[in-house]
Amino acid sequence: MNNRDFTAPYVFQEFPKWVTLADGSQILVENAEEEAIVTADKKEGGDPAADAEREALLAQAKELGLKVHPATGLDKLREKIAAAQG
């Protein structure tokens, strides 16, 4: 037998995979839980002030060139932005 005759069985792996978000951007998810968080619709009755702050922080992080998960908490976003700024 030579190396050219080698065959291996194909094993399907679903994750990691790219998921397209509602805004058209893409993100790499590592498991089904992350995919569910990323693809879940925003829940009604959320705090509009927190949502507005999150959007502003995500925009600021994007301007700084940071790649953050859309479900990252506000505190973590603030920390990452502060670290990138100084």
Protein backbone atom coordinates (compact mmCIF):
# COMPACT_ATOMS: atom_id res chain seq x y z
CA MET A 1 0.00 0.00 0.00
CA ASN A 2 1.24 3.47 -0.79
CA ASN A 3 0.12 6.86 0.53
CA ARG A 4 -1.91 7.62 -2.57
CA ASP A 5 -4.42 4.88 -1.77
CA PHE A 6 -5.17 6.16 1.74
CA THR A 7 -8.83 6.86 2.46
CA ALA A 8 -10.47 8.08 5.64
CA PRO A 9 -14.15 8.11 6.53
CA TYR A 10 -15.85 11.51 6.32
CA VAL A 11 -17.04 12.81 9.69
CA PHE A 12 -19.46 15.75 9.56
CA GLN A 13 -18.79 18.60 12.02
CA GLU A 14 -21.47 21.26 12.34
CA PHE A 15 -19.44 23.65 14.50
CA PRO A 16 -17.64 26.00 14.27
CA LYS A 17 -19.68 27.65 11.54
CA TRP A 18 -20.50 31.07 10.16
CA VAL A 19 -23.96 32.48 10.94
CA THR A 20 -25.47 35.45 9.11
CA LEU A 21 -27.16 37.95 11.42
CA ALA A 22 -30.30 39.96 10.67
CA ASP A 23 -28.23 43.03 9.74
CA GLY A 24 -26.29 41.03 7.14
CA SER A 25 -23.05 40.74 9.09
CA GLN A 26 -21.56 37.35 9.86
CA ILE A 27 -20.16 35.84 13.05
CA LEU A 28 -18.39 32.59 13.82
CA VAL A 29 -20.16 30.45 16.45
CA GLU A 30 -18.60 27.54 18.31
CA ASN A 31 -21.70 25.63 19.46
CA ALA A 32 -25.51 25.46 19.30
CA GLU A 33 -25.96 27.68 22.37
CA GLU A 34 -24.01 30.53 20.77
CA GLU A 35 -25.99 30.09 17.57
CA ALA A 36 -29.28 30.30 19.49
CA ILE A 37 -28.17 33.49 21.25
CA VAL A 38 -27.01 35.13 18.04
CA THR A 39 -30.05 34.20 15.96
CA ALA A 40 -32.71 34.84 18.63
CA ASP A 41 -35.03 37.75 17.99
CA LYS A 42 -34.81 40.61 20.45
CA LYS A 43 -37.28 40.04 23.27
CA GLU A 44 -40.13 42.47 23.63
CA GLY A 45 -40.34 44.56 26.79
CA GLY A 46 -36.58 44.98 27.14
CA ASP A 47 -35.00 48.06 28.66
CA PRO A 48 -34.84 50.64 25.83
CA ALA A 49 -32.09 52.63 27.59
CA ALA A 50 -29.88 49.55 27.94
CA ASP A 51 -30.57 48.57 24.32
CA ALA A 52 -29.61 52.05 23.12
CA GLU A 53 -26.44 51.99 25.22
CA ARG A 54 -25.55 48.53 23.90
CA GLU A 55 -25.99 49.72 20.29
CA ALA A 56 -23.81 52.77 20.97
CA LEU A 57 -21.09 50.65 22.60
CA LEU A 58 -21.17 48.10 19.79
CA ALA A 59 -20.81 50.90 17.24
CA GLN A 60 -17.92 52.39 19.20
CA ALA A 61 -16.22 48.98 19.44
CA LYS A 62 -16.62 48.51 15.69
CA GLU A 63 -15.05 51.94 15.05
CA LEU A 64 -12.08 50.92 17.23
CA GLY A 65 -11.70 47.72 15.21
CA LEU A 66 -12.73 45.41 18.05
CA LYS A 67 -14.50 42.18 17.24
CA VAL A 68 -17.03 41.54 19.98
CA HIS A 69 -19.89 39.08 20.23
CA PRO A 70 -23.28 40.83 19.89
CA ALA A 71 -24.46 39.21 23.13
CA THR A 72 -21.51 40.54 25.14
CA GLY A 73 -22.62 42.23 28.36
CA LEU A 74 -22.49 45.98 28.84
CA ASP A 75 -19.76 45.78 31.50
CA LYS A 76 -17.53 43.63 29.30
CA LEU A 77 -18.09 45.97 26.34
CA ARG A 78 -17.10 48.98 28.47
CA GLU A 79 -13.94 47.14 29.64
CA LYS A 80 -12.88 46.19 26.10
CA ILE A 81 -13.45 49.73 24.79
CA ALA A 82 -11.55 51.28 27.70
CA ALA A 83 -8.63 48.87 27.15
CA ALA A 84 -8.54 49.68 23.43
CA GLN A 85 -8.60 53.43 24.05
CA GLY A 86 -5.82 53.60 26.54
